[in-house]
Protein backbone atom coordinates (compact mmCIF):
# COMPACT_ATOMS: atom_id res chain seq x y z
CA MET A 1 -29.27 1.88 11.54
CA LYS A 2 -26.12 4.00 11.22
CA LEU A 3 -24.21 3.60 7.96
CA THR A 4 -20.48 4.23 7.70
CA LEU A 5 -18.30 4.44 4.65
CA PRO A 6 -15.03 2.52 4.59
CA ILE A 7 -11.93 4.69 4.71
CA PHE A 8 -10.91 3.75 1.15
CA ALA A 9 -14.21 5.18 -0.15
CA VAL A 10 -13.90 8.45 1.80
CA LEU A 11 -10.33 9.30 0.83
CA PRO A 12 -11.02 9.93 -2.90
CA LEU A 13 -13.87 12.28 -1.97
CA LEU A 14 -11.59 14.23 0.34
CA ALA A 15 -8.94 14.42 -2.36
CA LEU A 16 -11.43 15.82 -4.87
CA ALA A 17 -12.64 18.39 -2.36
CA ALA A 18 -9.08 19.54 -1.74
CA CYS A 19 -8.25 19.89 -5.46
CA SER A 20 -9.10 23.54 -6.12
CA SER A 21 -6.99 26.36 -7.47
CA VAL A 22 -7.20 30.08 -8.19
CA LYS A 23 -5.39 31.86 -11.00
CA TYR A 24 -5.38 35.24 -12.72
CA ASP A 25 -6.75 35.41 -16.25
CA ASP A 26 -6.95 37.93 -19.08
CA PRO A 27 -9.83 40.38 -18.33
CA ASP A 28 -10.31 40.86 -22.10
CA LYS A 29 -10.68 37.14 -22.75
CA VAL A 30 -13.97 36.12 -24.37
CA GLU A 31 -16.32 34.81 -21.69
CA THR A 32 -18.41 31.77 -22.65
CA LEU A 33 -19.19 30.16 -19.31
CA THR A 34 -22.96 30.74 -19.60
CA ILE A 35 -25.46 32.33 -21.95
CA ASP A 36 -26.15 35.09 -19.42
CA PHE A 37 -24.97 38.69 -19.88
CA GLY A 38 -21.26 38.78 -19.12
CA SER A 39 -18.07 40.81 -19.21
CA THR A 40 -17.49 40.30 -22.94
CA ASP A 41 -20.96 41.63 -23.73
CA LEU A 42 -20.36 44.68 -21.51
CA GLN A 43 -16.99 45.44 -23.10
CA SER A 44 -18.32 45.00 -26.64
CA MET A 45 -21.31 47.30 -26.09
CA ALA A 46 -19.27 50.00 -24.38
CA SER A 47 -16.51 49.90 -27.01
CA ASP A 48 -18.88 50.28 -29.96
CA MET A 49 -20.75 53.19 -28.35
CA VAL A 50 -17.53 55.02 -27.48
CA THR A 51 -16.22 54.68 -31.03
CA SER A 52 -19.48 56.02 -32.43
CA LEU A 53 -19.65 58.97 -30.03
CA ASN A 54 -16.04 60.01 -30.57
CA GLY A 55 -16.62 60.19 -34.30
CA ALA A 56 -20.23 61.44 -34.37
CA PRO A 57 -20.61 64.39 -36.79
CA GLN A 58 -23.99 65.19 -35.20
CA LEU A 59 -22.16 66.67 -32.19
CA ALA A 60 -19.88 68.95 -34.20
CA TYR A 61 -22.12 72.01 -33.82
CA LEU A 62 -21.50 71.96 -30.04
CA ASP A 63 -17.86 72.88 -30.72
CA ASN A 64 -18.85 76.53 -31.20
CA PRO A 65 -16.46 79.54 -31.03
CA SER A 66 -18.05 80.89 -27.83
CA LYS A 67 -16.42 78.04 -25.89
CA GLY A 68 -12.95 79.50 -26.40
CA THR A 69 -10.01 77.16 -26.72
CA ASP A 70 -11.60 74.25 -24.81
CA LYS A 71 -13.96 72.68 -27.35
CA ARG A 72 -14.77 69.60 -25.28
CA ILE A 73 -18.47 68.76 -24.96
CA ILE A 74 -19.75 68.92 -21.37
CA MET A 75 -21.73 65.74 -20.72
CA LEU A 76 -23.76 64.26 -17.88
CA MET A 77 -23.71 60.45 -17.78
CA GLY A 78 -27.31 59.44 -17.17
CA GLY A 79 -28.60 55.98 -16.35
CA VAL A 80 -29.20 52.87 -18.44
CA ASN A 81 -32.51 51.15 -17.71
CA ASN A 82 -32.26 47.38 -17.33
CA ARG A 83 -35.29 45.97 -19.13
CA THR A 84 -34.00 42.39 -19.22
CA SER A 85 -35.04 39.52 -16.96
CA GLU A 86 -31.51 39.35 -15.51
CA HIS A 87 -29.97 41.26 -12.62
CA ILE A 88 -27.45 43.36 -14.56
CA ASP A 89 -25.42 46.17 -13.01
CA THR A 90 -25.82 48.68 -15.83
CA GLU A 91 -23.56 51.13 -14.00
CA GLY A 92 -20.71 48.89 -15.14
CA ILE A 93 -21.62 49.78 -18.73
CA THR A 94 -21.91 53.53 -18.07
CA ASP A 95 -18.69 53.59 -16.02
CA GLY A 96 -16.80 51.98 -18.89
CA ILE A 97 -18.26 54.39 -21.46
CA ARG A 98 -17.52 57.48 -19.35
CA SER A 99 -13.95 56.40 -18.64
CA ALA A 100 -13.20 55.71 -22.31
CA LEU A 101 -14.80 58.98 -23.48
CA LEU A 102 -12.75 60.97 -20.98
CA GLN A 103 -9.58 59.39 -22.30
CA GLY A 104 -10.64 60.17 -25.87
CA GLY A 105 -10.46 63.91 -25.19
CA ARG A 106 -13.68 65.03 -26.92
CA PHE A 107 -15.85 65.07 -23.78
CA ARG A 108 -15.69 66.17 -20.17
CA PHE A 109 -18.19 65.14 -17.53
CA VAL A 110 -20.05 66.79 -14.65
CA ALA A 111 -21.04 64.90 -11.51
CA GLY A 112 -24.36 63.10 -11.41
CA GLU A 113 -26.83 62.76 -8.55
CA GLN A 114 -24.53 60.68 -6.35
CA GLY A 115 -21.59 63.03 -6.77
CA GLN A 116 -23.71 66.13 -6.22
CA GLY A 117 -24.56 65.07 -2.67
CA GLU A 118 -20.89 64.70 -1.79
CA ILE A 119 -20.02 68.00 -3.48
CA GLY A 120 -22.71 69.79 -1.48
CA ASP A 121 -21.41 68.33 1.78
CA GLN A 122 -17.88 69.41 0.96
CA VAL A 123 -18.81 72.99 -0.03
CA ARG A 124 -20.84 73.41 3.15
CA PHE A 125 -17.91 72.10 5.17
CA GLN A 126 -15.46 74.50 3.52
CA GLN A 127 -17.80 77.46 3.94
CA GLY A 128 -19.07 76.85 7.46
CA SER A 129 -16.64 74.74 9.46
CA GLY A 130 -14.05 77.46 10.04
CA ARG A 131 -11.31 74.93 9.27
CA VAL A 132 -10.62 75.95 5.67
CA ASP A 133 -8.70 79.04 4.55
CA PRO A 134 -11.43 81.45 3.27
CA THR A 135 -9.36 82.21 0.20
CA GLN A 136 -9.31 78.49 -0.63
CA ALA A 137 -12.96 77.69 0.22
CA ARG A 138 -15.15 76.77 -2.73
CA ALA A 139 -18.58 78.28 -3.26
CA PHE A 140 -21.87 77.21 -4.81
CA GLY A 141 -22.90 78.58 -8.19
CA LYS A 142 -19.74 77.88 -10.16
CA GLN A 143 -20.34 74.38 -11.51
CA LEU A 144 -20.23 73.64 -15.21
CA GLY A 145 -23.58 73.18 -16.93
CA ALA A 146 -24.00 69.98 -18.92
CA GLU A 147 -24.67 70.51 -22.61
CA VAL A 148 -25.85 66.96 -23.24
CA ILE A 149 -27.10 63.95 -21.27
CA LEU A 150 -26.34 60.34 -22.23
CA THR A 151 -29.07 57.80 -21.39
CA GLY A 152 -30.05 54.37 -22.62
CA ASN A 153 -31.92 51.08 -22.34
CA LEU A 154 -30.82 47.44 -22.24
CA ARG A 155 -33.40 44.90 -23.44
CA SER A 156 -33.45 41.17 -24.08
CA ILE A 157 -35.62 38.50 -25.67
CA GLU A 158 -35.11 34.91 -24.55
CA LYS A 159 -36.25 31.75 -26.34
CA THR A 160 -35.98 28.11 -25.23
CA LYS A 161 -36.61 24.94 -27.25
CA GLY A 162 -37.09 21.72 -25.28
CA ARG A 163 -35.46 18.40 -26.01
CA SER A 164 -36.79 16.33 -28.88
CA LEU A 165 -35.72 13.44 -31.05
CA GLU A 166 -35.21 15.86 -33.94
CA SER A 167 -32.73 17.91 -31.86
CA GLY A 168 -30.86 14.84 -30.67
CA LEU A 169 -32.37 15.32 -27.18
CA GLN A 170 -30.56 18.64 -26.89
CA LYS A 171 -32.10 21.64 -25.16
CA LYS A 172 -31.53 24.91 -27.00
CA GLU A 173 -31.56 28.41 -25.53
CA ASP A 174 -31.22 31.70 -27.36
CA VAL A 175 -30.96 35.23 -25.98
CA TRP A 176 -30.88 38.52 -27.89
CA TYR A 177 -29.67 41.73 -26.25
CA GLN A 178 -30.33 45.22 -27.58
CA PHE A 179 -28.45 48.19 -26.11
CA THR A 180 -29.73 51.63 -27.12
CA LEU A 181 -27.93 54.84 -26.18
CA GLU A 182 -29.14 58.42 -26.81
CA CYS A 183 -27.46 61.82 -26.48
CA VAL A 184 -29.94 64.59 -25.63
CA ASN A 185 -29.31 68.35 -25.91
CA VAL A 186 -30.13 69.76 -22.45
CA GLU A 187 -31.18 73.17 -23.76
CA THR A 188 -33.46 72.04 -26.58
CA GLY A 189 -34.44 68.49 -25.53
CA GLU A 190 -33.44 67.27 -29.00
CA ILE A 191 -32.02 63.78 -29.42
CA ILE A 192 -28.91 64.63 -31.42
CA TRP A 193 -27.25 61.21 -31.50
CA SER A 194 -28.42 57.62 -31.05
CA ASN A 195 -26.92 54.20 -31.60
CA ILE A 196 -27.95 50.57 -31.16
CA LYS A 197 -25.75 47.59 -30.39
CA GLU A 198 -27.19 44.07 -30.66
CA ILE A 199 -25.78 40.75 -29.44
CA ARG A 200 -27.22 37.25 -29.91
CA LYS A 201 -26.03 34.23 -27.93
CA GLY A 202 -26.99 30.57 -28.19
CA GLU A 203 -26.45 27.54 -25.99
CA LYS A 204 -27.07 23.80 -26.48
CA ARG A 205 -27.34 21.36 -23.59
CA SER A 206 -27.08 17.62 -23.90
CA VAL A 207 -29.47 15.20 -22.26
CA PHE A 208 -27.21 15.20 -19.20
CA GLY A 209 -26.92 19.03 -19.07
């Protein structure tokens, strides 16, 4: 048997489906939509690490007289291992840290693995294509050598408590994030700076949630 809805029942559903809107919002606004790792967590972690690195006295010995007038520390931005159960793009964290450190003026960066492939292609093109003025063509063997490498780990511990009469039939979830960053001297292998940023988030869901 084929069932049909009367027109007066269908119209409200169509109206609800049509009621959607898009608007711009403040990218620095605290995000609390879910308990999952979000933009506020990323910004908070990156900001704290940048502040610590810019003021770290452990890196002062790298500003030696042999560097001339440019005392900036040459850094390679390594990777951050995602050891959480979530799919987190940790490059978003490292991109934010690198950008802020560059603006701070204490560090300069050399290209990582991805950039090196593109650099190699470009140097080979300039040297062998015959299209580039030989006096303008770049050559291998002149790149800056990184003094330090920045690497890290992102971990999480998640806990869930089911509904009970004691909790008012609420389901509780808790997640703890730990972000560790280390600065390693390339020449000696020594870890010369390290910092940890921790974030804890909690969520309660009602019986209907």
